[in-house]
Amino acid sequence: MSAKKERRCSDIPGLCSIRLFLYSVGVNLNLGYIMWLFRSGLVLLAYVGINIYTGIRIFALLKYFFPSVRGLFFWPLYILFCYSFIWMMQVRVTWLRPLRQVGMNSLPVLFYFFLVLIVLDILRLVLRYSGIIPHGGAYSAAGTGIALGIAVIVMVYGAFHARAIHTAHYEITVEKDKGAPPLRIVLVSDLHIGSTVGRKWTARIVDAVNRAGPDVICLAGDIFDGNIDTTPDLEGVGEELRRLSAPLGVFACQGNHDVDRFSFREEGRTDRIYDFLKTVNIDFLLDEVVLVAERFYLAGRKDARPIGSSQGRKTAAELVSGFDASRPIIFLDHQPVDFPAEDKAGADLILSGHTHRGQFFPGNAATKRIYKNLGAVHYGYWRGTSAQGVVSSGAGVWGPPIRIATRSEVVVIDIDFN
């Protein structure tokens, strides 16, 4: 590794409730009116309404085939399924981890079940009032069964699809360092190593990165999913990360989940994450600038809104103040929320992640609008006044271990300096 270093050197309210979960989602989306919806309780009311509607239909389906089923038995189990994500998000006990996955999957299962059910119910009502089909419980039960089956199929597909690591490719021209040889950067973001993403998933990511033959590797934050103790085989994960190979080095910046805390009540820290990354030869840049191979500056930023941690960070201009502007400057910033300021500060290239591209439909439609309003993009290539940017959809998952209409990826960026 040839790298010369020149170092210049929102808490979420701790309430274990549905409101807290929605607040954390709102922090990830980074938009004022989205946060207003969460805080006003409208999203909570909508979720409760969906649960009531779907619960009534599932109970009716069970009663159709098993008339002896009683609500006293069904409703407690169904409520537990609908809201298990609240407390299962922070489970420590190993044998309960499969239940955590069930809790994480409850949200998208119910959502897709509800969407299909609404469409089928409207179709059934149209056919009934048109006299094509008679009124009867059989048609209602059939619609519920079909909707439930489609939701399960979608979830199974999403689970397998999320684990397949794809490669995206961009070719970029930087009008500095004329005549210098091309540079290949491999960008990886949002591994979210923890209860869901373990050694096997990490190994697939590392294999995809090494196959690309990078000159330098950049990890754009959310390497861990909070508390590193939730990773079942941390030593094995370390062995996989140690296999990352690039002659100019492996660098990372902080993501909003890269704060070592177990519960939302705790103050997040980066000490153990920093120490762990050091043992696997990853340089964790926290508002620091590194001169790599005497060719370009890499500016790694602290995260804009780390969960469970109160910290400030330098502005983009402060971070690169005093450095040689004739050299290419690459910003590594987890959240694409500061692209205009980084462009103004003299960035030539900005590398980000965080958005997951919505992770599963229709989240991608929401993130597209959100980050456009912030002057950036939720995925892919961005062009500013002088800077260019690339936002990755991420290589791992957060929450439900699925991807629908998005994909897990590593990003290959070939830079031409002519």
Foldseek 3Di string as FASTA:
>chain_A
DFWFFDWPDDQQPFDLDPLSVLCVVCVLLPDDVSNVCSVVCVVVVVLVVLLVVLLVLVVLLCCVVVVVDDPVVRVVVSVCQSQVCSPLVQDQDPVCLVVNLSNLVSVQLSVQLSVQLVVLVVVVVVCCVVVNDDDDSVSSSVSSVVSNVVSVVQLVQFLVQALDAAEAEAEAEFQFPPPDDKFKEKEFEQQQAFSPRALVSLLNVLVVQVVVQHQEYEYQENNHQAARSRHPCLVSSLVSLLSRDHNQFAEYEYDLRQFHDRGSVAATHNVVVCVSCVVSRYHYADLTWICTPVAAIEGHYHAPHRYRHDDDTDFLLVSCPPPDLSGAYEYRYADLQCVVRNVVSRHAEYEYESQLCLQEPPRVVSSQVSVVVSVAGNAAWDDDPRHIYGYHSHQADDRNRGGHPGGHYMYMYMYDND
